Amino acid sequence: MPNIEQNIVIFLDEIDSILRIRDFATDDFFALIRSCYQKRSFRDEYKRLNFALFGVATPGDLIQDEERTPFNIGTAIQLDGFKLDEIAPCLRFLSCKDDCENEVFITAH
């Protein structure tokens, strides 16, 4: 980090799959992320380090060991599917060309 002056964001996708890995210390992994956050209070360079976790897991799912500090430093964001009126602006880019093999059908729920 001393060689990088900009903010750093580490993206971890499909974080829920890490919970199913055998012989992997998931609690230790998430505790490491939490320790980076806690170091912000006494090491300024850690204020530039951020983690973005994506997947189907709640913050409470991430650290299972009740003896450890819970992973409560983030914000969970619930995402729902798009509604037809929300994708309407994109429809103009989805036009059938040539033989229409890849035609896209959109239905409202």
PDB file of N, CA and C in Angstrom:
ATOM      1  N   MET A   1       0.800  -1.206   0.000  1.00  0.00           N
ATOM      2  CA  MET A   1       0.000   0.000   0.000  1.00  0.00           C
ATOM      3  C   MET A   1       0.842   1.270   0.000  1.00  0.00           C
ATOM      4  N   PRO A   2       2.055   1.249   0.498  1.00  0.00           N
ATOM      5  CA  PRO A   2       2.841   2.482   0.477  1.00  0.00           C
ATOM      6  C   PRO A   2       3.143   2.967  -0.938  1.00  0.00           C
ATOM      7  N   ASN A   3       3.135   2.073  -1.903  1.00  0.00           N
ATOM      8  CA  ASN A   3       3.443   2.445  -3.282  1.00  0.00           C
ATOM      9  C   ASN A   3       2.227   2.905  -4.074  1.00  0.00           C
ATOM     10  N   ILE A   4       1.043   2.787  -3.510  1.00  0.00           N
ATOM     11  CA  ILE A   4      -0.190   3.180  -4.200  1.00  0.00           C
ATOM     12  C   ILE A   4      -0.812   4.335  -3.440  1.00  0.00           C
ATOM     13  N   GLU A   5      -1.038   5.442  -4.120  1.00  0.00           N
ATOM     14  CA  GLU A   5      -1.585   6.629  -3.453  1.00  0.00           C
ATOM     15  C   GLU A   5      -3.105   6.725  -3.569  1.00  0.00           C
ATOM     16  N   GLN A   6      -3.683   6.057  -4.561  1.00  0.00           N
ATOM     17  CA  GLN A   6      -5.129   6.134  -4.758  1.00  0.00           C
ATOM     18  C   GLN A   6      -5.850   5.189  -3.795  1.00  0.00           C
ATOM     19  N   ASN A   7      -7.175   5.365  -3.757  1.00  0.00           N
ATOM     20  CA  ASN A   7      -7.999   4.434  -2.996  1.00  0.00           C
ATOM     21  C   ASN A   7      -7.925   3.060  -3.645  1.00  0.00           C
ATOM     22  N   ILE A   8      -8.023   2.041  -2.833  1.00  0.00           N
ATOM     23  CA  ILE A   8      -7.964   0.660  -3.301  1.00  0.00           C
ATOM     24  C   ILE A   8      -9.275  -0.020  -2.923  1.00  0.00           C
ATOM     25  N   VAL A   9      -9.908  -0.659  -3.902  1.00  0.00           N
ATOM     26  CA  VAL A   9     -11.118  -1.431  -3.647  1.00  0.00           C
ATOM     27  C   VAL A   9     -10.863  -2.852  -4.127  1.00  0.00           C
ATOM     28  N   ILE A  10     -11.069  -3.804  -3.233  1.00  0.00           N
ATOM     29  CA  ILE A  10     -10.925  -5.213  -3.573  1.00  0.00           C
ATOM     30  C   ILE A  10     -12.327  -5.790  -3.684  1.00  0.00           C
ATOM     31  N   PHE A  11     -12.679  -6.254  -4.881  1.00  0.00           N
ATOM     32  CA  PHE A  11     -13.997  -6.819  -5.147  1.00  0.00           C
ATOM     33  C   PHE A  11     -13.931  -8.341  -5.025  1.00  0.00           C
ATOM     34  N   LEU A  12     -14.811  -8.907  -4.242  1.00  0.00           N
ATOM     35  CA  LEU A  12     -14.913 -10.356  -4.077  1.00  0.00           C
ATOM     36  C   LEU A  12     -16.314 -10.776  -4.494  1.00  0.00           C
ATOM     37  N   ASP A  13     -16.413 -11.469  -5.631  1.00  0.00           N
ATOM     38  CA  ASP A  13     -17.705 -11.880  -6.167  1.00  0.00           C
ATOM     39  C   ASP A  13     -18.024 -13.309  -5.716  1.00  0.00           C
ATOM     40  N   GLU A  14     -19.316 -13.617  -5.687  1.00  0.00           N
ATOM     41  CA  GLU A  14     -19.814 -14.934  -5.280  1.00  0.00           C
ATOM     42  C   GLU A  14     -19.271 -15.330  -3.913  1.00  0.00           C
ATOM     43  N   ILE A  15     -19.343 -14.385  -2.990  1.00  0.00           N
ATOM     44  CA  ILE A  15     -18.802 -14.593  -1.653  1.00  0.00           C
ATOM     45  C   ILE A  15     -19.487 -15.756  -0.946  1.00  0.00           C
ATOM     46  N   ASP A  16     -20.719 -16.064  -1.340  1.00  0.00           N
ATOM     47  CA  ASP A  16     -21.422 -17.188  -0.721  1.00  0.00           C
ATOM     48  C   ASP A  16     -20.745 -18.521  -1.026  1.00  0.00           C
ATOM     49  N   SER A  17     -20.038 -18.621  -2.159  1.00  0.00           N
ATOM     50  CA  SER A  17     -19.369 -19.882  -2.496  1.00  0.00           C
ATOM     51  C   SER A  17     -18.194 -20.161  -1.563  1.00  0.00           C
ATOM     52  N   ILE A  18     -17.616 -19.143  -0.979  1.00  0.00           N
ATOM     53  CA  ILE A  18     -16.496 -19.350  -0.052  1.00  0.00           C
ATOM     54  C   ILE A  18     -16.963 -20.043   1.224  1.00  0.00           C
ATOM     55  N   LEU A  19     -18.225 -19.897   1.541  1.00  0.00           N
ATOM     56  CA  LEU A  19     -18.757 -20.520   2.748  1.00  0.00           C
ATOM     57  C   LEU A  19     -18.866 -22.034   2.611  1.00  0.00           C
ATOM     58  N   ARG A  20     -18.825 -22.545   1.375  1.00  0.00           N
ATOM     59  CA  ARG A  20     -18.947 -23.986   1.133  1.00  0.00           C
ATOM     60  C   ARG A  20     -17.602 -24.682   0.929  1.00  0.00           C
ATOM     61  N   ILE A  21     -16.508 -23.946   0.979  1.00  0.00           N
ATOM     62  CA  ILE A  21     -15.192 -24.550   0.762  1.00  0.00           C
ATOM     63  C   ILE A  21     -14.778 -25.308   2.020  1.00  0.00           C
ATOM     64  N   ARG A  22     -14.455 -26.566   1.852  1.00  0.00           N
ATOM     65  CA  ARG A  22     -13.996 -27.371   2.988  1.00  0.00           C
ATOM     66  C   ARG A  22     -12.536 -27.051   3.283  1.00  0.00           C
ATOM     67  N   ASP A  23     -12.157 -27.217   4.494  1.00  0.00           N
ATOM     68  CA  ASP A  23     -10.771 -26.995   4.931  1.00  0.00           C
ATOM     69  C   ASP A  23     -10.263 -25.594   4.603  1.00  0.00           C
ATOM     70  N   PHE A  24     -11.151 -24.628   4.687  1.00  0.00           N
ATOM     71  CA  PHE A  24     -10.770 -23.223   4.491  1.00  0.00           C
ATOM     72  C   PHE A  24     -11.296 -22.452   5.686  1.00  0.00           C
ATOM     73  N   ALA A  25     -10.433 -21.726   6.322  1.00  0.00           N
ATOM     74  CA  ALA A  25     -10.799 -20.996   7.542  1.00  0.00           C
ATOM     75  C   ALA A  25     -11.550 -19.714   7.177  1.00  0.00           C
ATOM     76  N   THR A  26     -12.845 -19.849   6.883  1.00  0.00           N
ATOM     77  CA  THR A  26     -13.626 -18.677   6.462  1.00  0.00           C
ATOM     78  C   THR A  26     -13.670 -17.624   7.560  1.00  0.00           C
ATOM     79  N   ASP A  27     -13.787 -18.050   8.815  1.00  0.00           N
ATOM     80  CA  ASP A  27     -13.809 -17.075   9.904  1.00  0.00           C
ATOM     81  C   ASP A  27     -12.520 -16.263   9.935  1.00  0.00           C
ATOM     82  N   ASP A  28     -11.393 -16.918   9.709  1.00  0.00           N
ATOM     83  CA  ASP A  28     -10.112 -16.211   9.684  1.00  0.00           C
ATOM     84  C   ASP A  28     -10.044 -15.240   8.505  1.00  0.00           C
ATOM     85  N   PHE A  29     -10.550 -15.669   7.365  1.00  0.00           N
ATOM     86  CA  PHE A  29     -10.544 -14.825   6.168  1.00  0.00           C
ATOM     87  C   PHE A  29     -11.329 -13.535   6.402  1.00  0.00           C
ATOM     88  N   PHE A  30     -12.533 -13.672   6.926  1.00  0.00           N
ATOM     89  CA  PHE A  30     -13.356 -12.487   7.173  1.00  0.00           C
ATOM     90  C   PHE A  30     -12.836 -11.673   8.358  1.00  0.00           C
ATOM     91  N   ALA A  31     -12.208 -12.328   9.313  1.00  0.00           N
ATOM     92  CA  ALA A  31     -11.578 -11.596  10.420  1.00  0.00           C
ATOM     93  C   ALA A  31     -10.427 -10.734   9.897  1.00  0.00           C
ATOM     94  N   LEU A  32      -9.710 -11.222   8.893  1.00  0.00           N
ATOM     95  CA  LEU A  32      -8.638 -10.437   8.276  1.00  0.00           C
ATOM     96  C   LEU A  32      -9.206  -9.162   7.643  1.00  0.00           C
ATOM     97  N   ILE A  33     -10.322  -9.300   6.932  1.00  0.00           N
ATOM     98  CA  ILE A  33     -10.952  -8.121   6.330  1.00  0.00           C
ATOM     99  C   ILE A  33     -11.372  -7.144   7.421  1.00  0.00           C
ATOM    100  N   ARG A  34     -11.958  -7.665   8.477  1.00  0.00           N
ATOM    101  CA  ARG A  34     -12.373  -6.801   9.581  1.00  0.00           C
ATOM    102  C   ARG A  34     -11.170  -6.116  10.229  1.00  0.00           C
ATOM    103  N   SER A  35     -10.050  -6.818  10.357  1.00  0.00           N
ATOM    104  CA  SER A  35      -8.871  -6.206  10.982  1.00  0.00           C
ATOM    105  C   SER A  35      -8.341  -5.057  10.127  1.00  0.00           C
ATOM    106  N   CYS A  36      -8.443  -5.191   8.803  1.00  0.00           N
ATOM    107  CA  CYS A  36      -8.040  -4.080   7.932  1.00  0.00           C
ATOM    108  C   CYS A  36      -8.898  -2.851   8.209  1.00  0.00           C
ATOM    109  N   TYR A  37     -10.174  -3.072   8.435  1.00  0.00           N
ATOM    110  CA  TYR A  37     -11.083  -1.964   8.758  1.00  0.00           C
ATOM    111  C   TYR A  37     -10.708  -1.337  10.106  1.00  0.00           C
ATOM    112  N   GLN A  38     -10.424  -2.168  11.085  1.00  0.00           N
ATOM    113  CA  GLN A  38     -10.098  -1.653  12.415  1.00  0.00           C
ATOM    114  C   GLN A  38      -8.780  -0.889  12.437  1.00  0.00           C
ATOM    115  N   LYS A  39      -7.873  -1.226  11.541  1.00  0.00           N
ATOM    116  CA  LYS A  39      -6.584  -0.532  11.487  1.00  0.00           C
ATOM    117  C   LYS A  39      -6.726   0.907  10.994  1.00  0.00           C
ATOM    118  N   ARG A  40      -7.888   1.253  10.455  1.00  0.00           N
ATOM    119  CA  ARG A  40      -8.124   2.624   9.993  1.00  0.00           C
ATOM    120  C   ARG A  40      -7.975   3.638  11.117  1.00  0.00           C
ATOM    121  N   SER A  41      -8.240   3.216  12.339  1.00  0.00           N
ATOM    122  CA  SER A  41      -8.197   4.162  13.457  1.00  0.00           C
ATOM    123  C   SER A  41      -6.777   4.563  13.846  1.00  0.00           C
ATOM    124  N   PHE A  42      -5.785   3.764  13.462  1.00  0.00           N
ATOM    125  CA  PHE A  42      -4.416   4.134  13.830  1.00  0.00           C
ATOM    126  C   PHE A  42      -3.404   4.072  12.690  1.00  0.00           C
ATOM    127  N   ARG A  43      -3.858   3.719  11.491  1.00  0.00           N
ATOM    128  CA  ARG A  43      -2.949   3.728  10.331  1.00  0.00           C
ATOM    129  C   ARG A  43      -3.695   4.326   9.147  1.00  0.00           C
ATOM    130  N   ASP A  44      -3.333   5.544   8.771  1.00  0.00           N
ATOM    131  CA  ASP A  44      -4.056   6.290   7.746  1.00  0.00           C
ATOM    132  C   ASP A  44      -4.140   5.580   6.397  1.00  0.00           C
ATOM    133  N   GLU A  45      -3.124   4.811   6.026  1.00  0.00           N
ATOM    134  CA  GLU A  45      -3.160   4.164   4.720  1.00  0.00           C
ATOM    135  C   GLU A  45      -4.311   3.162   4.608  1.00  0.00           C
ATOM    136  N   TYR A  46      -4.781   2.636   5.715  1.00  0.00           N
ATOM    137  CA  TYR A  46      -5.906   1.701   5.684  1.00  0.00           C
ATOM    138  C   TYR A  46      -7.232   2.397   5.403  1.00  0.00           C
ATOM    139  N   LYS A  47      -7.275   3.703   5.540  1.00  0.00           N
ATOM    140  CA  LYS A  47      -8.495   4.443   5.196  1.00  0.00           C
ATOM    141  C   LYS A  47      -8.754   4.413   3.699  1.00  0.00           C
ATOM    142  N   ARG A  48      -7.733   4.082   2.925  1.00  0.00           N
ATOM    143  CA  ARG A  48      -7.876   4.001   1.462  1.00  0.00           C
ATOM    144  C   ARG A  48      -8.254   2.608   0.986  1.00  0.00           C
ATOM    145  N   LEU A  49      -8.256   1.640   1.888  1.00  0.00           N
ATOM    146  CA  LEU A  49      -8.519   0.251   1.523  1.00  0.00           C
ATOM    147  C   LEU A  49      -9.973  -0.106   1.807  1.00  0.00           C
ATOM    148  N   ASN A  50     -10.662  -0.590   0.783  1.00  0.00           N
ATOM    149  CA  ASN A  50     -12.065  -0.965   0.913  1.00  0.00           C
ATOM    150  C   ASN A  50     -12.287  -2.330   0.285  1.00  0.00           C
ATOM    151  N   PHE A  51     -13.269  -3.046   0.808  1.00  0.00           N
ATOM    152  CA  PHE A  51     -13.652  -4.342   0.278  1.00  0.00           C
ATOM    153  C   PHE A  51     -15.109  -4.285  -0.140  1.00  0.00           C
ATOM    154  N   ALA A  52     -15.430  -4.886  -1.286  1.00  0.00           N
ATOM    155  CA  ALA A  52     -16.811  -5.006  -1.752  1.00  0.00           C
ATOM    156  C   ALA A  52     -17.076  -6.490  -1.941  1.00  0.00           C
ATOM    157  N   LEU A  53     -18.012  -7.017  -1.155  1.00  0.00           N
ATOM    158  CA  LEU A  53     -18.337  -8.442  -1.197  1.00  0.00           C
ATOM    159  C   LEU A  53     -19.682  -8.604  -1.896  1.00  0.00           C
ATOM    160  N   PHE A  54     -19.714  -9.447  -2.912  1.00  0.00           N
ATOM    161  CA  PHE A  54     -20.934  -9.675  -3.678  1.00  0.00           C
ATOM    162  C   PHE A  54     -21.319 -11.137  -3.571  1.00  0.00           C
ATOM    163  N   GLY A  55     -22.589 -11.395  -3.396  1.00  0.00           N
ATOM    164  CA  GLY A  55     -23.060 -12.768  -3.350  1.00  0.00           C
ATOM    165  C   GLY A  55     -24.346 -12.874  -2.574  1.00  0.00           C
ATOM    166  N   VAL A  56     -24.762 -14.102  -2.377  1.00  0.00           N
ATOM    167  CA  VAL A  56     -26.015 -14.379  -1.681  1.00  0.00           C
ATOM    168  C   VAL A  56     -25.680 -14.783  -0.251  1.00  0.00           C
ATOM    169  N   ALA A  57     -25.346 -13.818   0.548  1.00  0.00           N
ATOM    170  CA  ALA A  57     -25.021 -14.054   1.956  1.00  0.00           C
ATOM    171  C   ALA A  57     -25.289 -12.768   2.724  1.00  0.00           C
ATOM    172  N   THR A  58     -25.751 -12.922   3.926  1.00  0.00           N
ATOM    173  CA  THR A  58     -25.940 -11.759   4.783  1.00  0.00           C
ATOM    174  C   THR A  58     -24.655 -11.547   5.582  1.00  0.00           C
ATOM    175  N   PRO A  59     -24.444 -10.350   6.096  1.00  0.00           N
ATOM    176  CA  PRO A  59     -23.248 -10.136   6.922  1.00  0.00           C
ATOM    177  C   PRO A  59     -23.162 -11.121   8.087  1.00  0.00           C
ATOM    178  N   GLY A  60     -24.303 -11.505   8.638  1.00  0.00           N
ATOM    179  CA  GLY A  60     -24.311 -12.468   9.739  1.00  0.00           C
ATOM    180  C   GLY A  60     -23.881 -13.867   9.339  1.00  0.00           C
ATOM    181  N   ASP A  61     -23.965 -14.185   8.052  1.00  0.00           N
ATOM    182  CA  ASP A  61     -23.539 -15.500   7.567  1.00  0.00           C
ATOM    183  C   ASP A  61     -22.021 -15.622   7.514  1.00  0.00           C
ATOM    184  N   LEU A  62     -21.324 -14.532   7.498  1.00  0.00           N
ATOM    185  CA  LEU A  62     -19.912 -14.555   7.152  1.00  0.00           C
ATOM    186  C   LEU A  62     -18.991 -15.069   8.249  1.00  0.00           C
ATOM    187  N   ILE A  63     -19.231 -14.729   9.504  1.00  0.00           N
ATOM    188  CA  ILE A  63     -18.407 -15.266  10.595  1.00  0.00           C
ATOM    189  C   ILE A  63     -19.322 -16.112  11.481  1.00  0.00           C
ATOM    190  N   GLN A  64     -19.028 -17.390  11.523  1.00  0.00           N
ATOM    191  CA  GLN A  64     -19.865 -18.351  12.240  1.00  0.00           C
ATOM    192  C   GLN A  64     -19.477 -18.515  13.710  1.00  0.00           C
ATOM    193  N   ASP A  65     -18.224 -18.326  14.035  1.00  0.00           N
ATOM    194  CA  ASP A  65     -17.715 -18.531  15.382  1.00  0.00           C
ATOM    195  C   ASP A  65     -18.225 -17.421  16.300  1.00  0.00           C
ATOM    196  N   GLU A  66     -19.028 -17.789  17.292  1.00  0.00           N
ATOM    197  CA  GLU A  66     -19.620 -16.793  18.188  1.00  0.00           C
ATOM    198  C   GLU A  66     -18.594 -16.142  19.111  1.00  0.00           C
ATOM    199  N   GLU A  67     -17.416 -16.721  19.216  1.00  0.00           N
ATOM    200  CA  GLU A  67     -16.358 -16.157  20.045  1.00  0.00           C
ATOM    201  C   GLU A  67     -15.673 -14.971  19.360  1.00  0.00           C
ATOM    202  N   ARG A  68     -15.878 -14.833  18.071  1.00  0.00           N
ATOM    203  CA  ARG A  68     -15.230 -13.765  17.303  1.00  0.00           C
ATOM    204  C   ARG A  68     -16.163 -12.576  17.149  1.00  0.00           C
ATOM    205  N   THR A  69     -15.556 -11.451  16.829  1.00  0.00           N
ATOM    206  CA  THR A  69     -16.338 -10.250  16.572  1.00  0.00           C
ATOM    207  C   THR A  69     -17.168 -10.458  15.318  1.00  0.00           C
ATOM    208  N   PRO A  70     -18.454 -10.158  15.351  1.00  0.00           N
ATOM    209  CA  PRO A  70     -19.280 -10.344  14.154  1.00  0.00           C
ATOM    210  C   PRO A  70     -18.860  -9.409  13.029  1.00  0.00           C
ATOM    211  N   PHE A  71     -19.193  -9.816  11.837  1.00  0.00           N
ATOM    212  CA  PHE A  71     -18.840  -9.042  10.642  1.00  0.00           C
ATOM    213  C   PHE A  71     -19.940  -8.005  10.416  1.00  0.00           C
ATOM    214  N   ASN A  72     -19.952  -6.972  11.259  1.00  0.00           N
ATOM    215  CA  ASN A  72     -21.038  -5.988  11.234  1.00  0.00           C
ATOM    216  C   ASN A  72     -20.558  -4.596  10.811  1.00  0.00           C
ATOM    217  N   ILE A  73     -19.508  -4.539  10.021  1.00  0.00           N
ATOM    218  CA  ILE A  73     -18.953  -3.237   9.636  1.00  0.00           C
ATOM    219  C   ILE A  73     -19.436  -2.791   8.267  1.00  0.00           C
ATOM    220  N   GLY A  74     -20.183  -3.641   7.587  1.00  0.00           N
ATOM    221  CA  GLY A  74     -20.635  -3.307   6.238  1.00  0.00           C
ATOM    222  C   GLY A  74     -22.117  -3.024   6.198  1.00  0.00           C
ATOM    223  N   THR A  75     -22.594  -2.817   5.005  1.00  0.00           N
ATOM    224  CA  THR A  75     -24.011  -2.578   4.771  1.00  0.00           C
ATOM    225  C   THR A  75     -24.507  -3.576   3.740  1.00  0.00           C
ATOM    226  N   ALA A  76     -25.499  -4.356   4.098  1.00  0.00           N
ATOM    227  CA  ALA A  76     -26.093  -5.299   3.153  1.00  0.00           C
ATOM    228  C   ALA A  76     -27.075  -4.546   2.266  1.00  0.00           C
ATOM    229  N   ILE A  77     -27.065  -4.863   0.992  1.00  0.00           N
ATOM    230  CA  ILE A  77     -27.970  -4.237   0.030  1.00  0.00           C
ATOM    231  C   ILE A  77     -28.788  -5.333  -0.623  1.00  0.00           C
ATOM    232  N   GLN A  78     -30.097  -5.288  -0.437  1.00  0.00           N
ATOM    233  CA  GLN A  78     -30.994  -6.272  -1.033  1.00  0.00           C
ATOM    234  C   GLN A  78     -31.309  -5.851  -2.464  1.00  0.00           C
ATOM    235  N   LEU A  79     -31.036  -6.724  -3.421  1.00  0.00           N
ATOM    236  CA  LEU A  79     -31.318  -6.438  -4.822  1.00  0.00           C
ATOM    237  C   LEU A  79     -32.471  -7.303  -5.301  1.00  0.00           C
ATOM    238  N   ASP A  80     -33.367  -6.703  -6.027  1.00  0.00           N
ATOM    239  CA  ASP A  80     -34.489  -7.417  -6.619  1.00  0.00           C
ATOM    240  C   ASP A  80     -34.361  -7.376  -8.129  1.00  0.00           C
ATOM    241  N   GLY A  81     -35.131  -8.204  -8.810  1.00  0.00           N
ATOM    242  CA  GLY A  81     -35.110  -8.209 -10.264  1.00  0.00           C
ATOM    243  C   GLY A  81     -35.661  -6.907 -10.831  1.00  0.00           C
ATOM    244  N   PHE A  82     -35.317  -6.642 -12.088  1.00  0.00           N
ATOM    245  CA  PHE A  82     -35.797  -5.436 -12.747  1.00  0.00           C
ATOM    246  C   PHE A  82     -37.272  -5.557 -13.093  1.00  0.00           C
ATOM    247  N   LYS A  83     -37.970  -4.442 -13.050  1.00  0.00           N
ATOM    248  CA  LYS A  83     -39.357  -4.360 -13.504  1.00  0.00           C
ATOM    249  C   LYS A  83     -39.341  -3.845 -14.937  1.00  0.00           C
ATOM    250  N   LEU A  84     -40.398  -4.131 -15.681  1.00  0.00           N
ATOM    251  CA  LEU A  84     -40.459  -3.785 -17.086  1.00  0.00           C
ATOM    252  C   LEU A  84     -40.214  -2.296 -17.318  1.00  0.00           C
ATOM    253  N   ASP A  85     -40.811  -1.429 -16.491  1.00  0.00           N
ATOM    254  CA  ASP A  85     -40.623   0.017 -16.683  1.00  0.00           C
ATOM    255  C   ASP A  85     -39.186   0.452 -16.390  1.00  0.00           C
ATOM    256  N   GLU A  86     -38.445  -0.335 -15.586  1.00  0.00           N
ATOM    257  CA  GLU A  86     -37.061  -0.005 -15.287  1.00  0.00           C
ATOM    258  C   GLU A  86     -36.106  -0.355 -16.422  1.00  0.00           C
ATOM    259  N   ILE A  87     -36.486  -1.322 -17.242  1.00  0.00           N
ATOM    260  CA  ILE A  87     -35.615  -1.698 -18.349  1.00  0.00           C
ATOM    261  C   ILE A  87     -36.039  -1.072 -19.670  1.00  0.00           C
ATOM    262  N   ALA A  88     -37.146  -0.348 -19.669  1.00  0.00           N
ATOM    263  CA  ALA A  88     -37.642   0.258 -20.906  1.00  0.00           C
ATOM    264  C   ALA A  88     -36.581   1.085 -21.631  1.00  0.00           C
ATOM    265  N   PRO A  89     -35.783   1.894 -20.944  1.00  0.00           N
ATOM    266  CA  PRO A  89     -34.754   2.666 -21.661  1.00  0.00           C
ATOM    267  C   PRO A  89     -33.731   1.782 -22.389  1.00  0.00           C
ATOM    268  N   CYS A  90     -33.538   0.561 -21.935  1.00  0.00           N
ATOM    269  CA  CYS A  90     -32.560  -0.344 -22.558  1.00  0.00           C
ATOM    270  C   CYS A  90     -33.123  -1.058 -23.781  1.00  0.00           C
ATOM    271  N   LEU A  91     -34.451  -1.093 -23.915  1.00  0.00           N
ATOM    272  CA  LEU A  91     -35.069  -1.865 -24.988  1.00  0.00           C
ATOM    273  C   LEU A  91     -34.662  -1.388 -26.374  1.00  0.00           C
ATOM    274  N   ARG A  92     -34.370  -0.116 -26.528  1.00  0.00           N
ATOM    275  CA  ARG A  92     -34.002   0.377 -27.850  1.00  0.00           C
ATOM    276  C   ARG A  92     -32.692  -0.215 -28.343  1.00  0.00           C
ATOM    277  N   PHE A  93     -31.864  -0.722 -27.413  1.00  0.00           N
ATOM    278  CA  PHE A  93     -30.598  -1.342 -27.798  1.00  0.00           C
ATOM    279  C   PHE A  93     -30.763  -2.831 -28.135  1.00  0.00           C
ATOM    280  N   LEU A  94     -31.930  -3.375 -27.835  1.00  0.00           N
ATOM    281  CA  LEU A  94     -32.195  -4.787 -28.081  1.00  0.00           C
ATOM    282  C   LEU A  94     -33.089  -4.929 -29.316  1.00  0.00           C
ATOM    283  N   SER A  95     -32.531  -4.802 -30.455  1.00  0.00           N
ATOM    284  CA  SER A  95     -33.334  -4.927 -31.672  1.00  0.00           C
ATOM    285  C   SER A  95     -32.911  -6.170 -32.437  1.00  0.00           C
ATOM    286  N   CYS A  96     -33.872  -6.795 -33.058  1.00  0.00           N
ATOM    287  CA  CYS A  96     -33.620  -8.022 -33.812  1.00  0.00           C
ATOM    288  C   CYS A  96     -33.000  -7.662 -35.160  1.00  0.00           C
ATOM    289  N   LYS A  97     -31.891  -8.327 -35.481  1.00  0.00           N
ATOM    290  CA  LYS A  97     -31.209  -8.087 -36.742  1.00  0.00           C
ATOM    291  C   LYS A  97     -31.087  -9.397 -37.494  1.00  0.00           C
ATOM    292  N   ASP A  98     -31.040  -9.332 -38.780  1.00  0.00           N
ATOM    293  CA  ASP A  98     -30.854 -10.488 -39.650  1.00  0.00           C
ATOM    294  C   ASP A  98     -31.932 -11.536 -39.407  1.00  0.00           C
ATOM    295  N   ASP A  99     -31.547 -12.741 -38.965  1.00  0.00           N
ATOM    296  CA  ASP A  99     -32.508 -13.839 -38.861  1.00  0.00           C
ATOM    297  C   ASP A  99     -33.177 -13.950 -37.487  1.00  0.00           C
ATOM    298  N   CYS A 100     -32.894 -13.069 -36.594  1.00  0.00           N
ATOM    299  CA  CYS A 100     -33.527 -12.993 -35.261  1.00  0.00           C
ATOM    300  C   CYS A 100     -33.302 -14.243 -34.399  1.00  0.00           C
ATOM    301  N   GLU A 101     -32.204 -14.933 -34.597  1.00  0.00           N
ATOM    302  CA  GLU A 101     -31.908 -16.106 -33.774  1.00  0.00           C
ATOM    303  C   GLU A 101     -31.784 -15.754 -32.304  1.00  0.00           C
ATOM    304  N   ASN A 102     -31.239 -14.604 -32.031  1.00  0.00           N
ATOM    305  CA  ASN A 102     -30.987 -14.209 -30.641  1.00  0.00           C
ATOM    306  C   ASN A 102     -32.031 -13.221 -30.137  1.00  0.00           C
ATOM    307  N   GLU A 103     -33.249 -13.365 -30.583  1.00  0.00           N
ATOM    308  CA  GLU A 103     -34.323 -12.451 -30.188  1.00  0.00           C
ATOM    309  C   GLU A 103     -34.548 -12.529 -28.688  1.00  0.00           C
ATOM    310  N   VAL A 104     -34.763 -11.397 -28.098  1.00  0.00           N
ATOM    311  CA  VAL A 104     -34.949 -11.311 -26.656  1.00  0.00           C
ATOM    312  C   VAL A 104     -36.438 -11.114 -26.364  1.00  0.00           C
ATOM    313  N   PHE A 105     -36.988 -11.947 -25.494  1.00  0.00           N
ATOM    314  CA  PHE A 105     -38.391 -11.821 -25.112  1.00  0.00           C
ATOM    315  C   PHE A 105     -38.443 -11.340 -23.679  1.00  0.00           C
ATOM    316  N   ILE A 106     -39.237 -10.322 -23.441  1.00  0.00           N
ATOM    317  CA  ILE A 106     -39.356  -9.752 -22.105  1.00  0.00           C
ATOM    318  C   ILE A 106     -40.816  -9.849 -21.680  1.00  0.00           C
ATOM    319  N   THR A 107     -41.035 -10.400 -20.506  1.00  0.00           N
ATOM    320  CA  THR A 107     -42.390 -10.509 -19.997  1.00  0.00           C
ATOM    321  C   THR A 107     -42.462  -9.793 -18.659  1.00  0.00           C
ATOM    322  N   ALA A 108     -43.602  -9.209 -18.395  1.00  0.00           N
ATOM    323  CA  ALA A 108     -43.814  -8.539 -17.115  1.00  0.00           C
ATOM    324  C   ALA A 108     -44.361  -9.539 -16.116  1.00  0.00           C
ATOM    325  N   HIS A 109     -43.927  -9.426 -14.877  1.00  0.00           N
ATOM    326  CA  HIS A 109     -44.404 -10.315 -13.821  1.00  0.00           C
ATOM    327  C   HIS A 109     -45.367  -9.593 -12.934  1.00  0.00           C
TER     328      HIS A 109
END
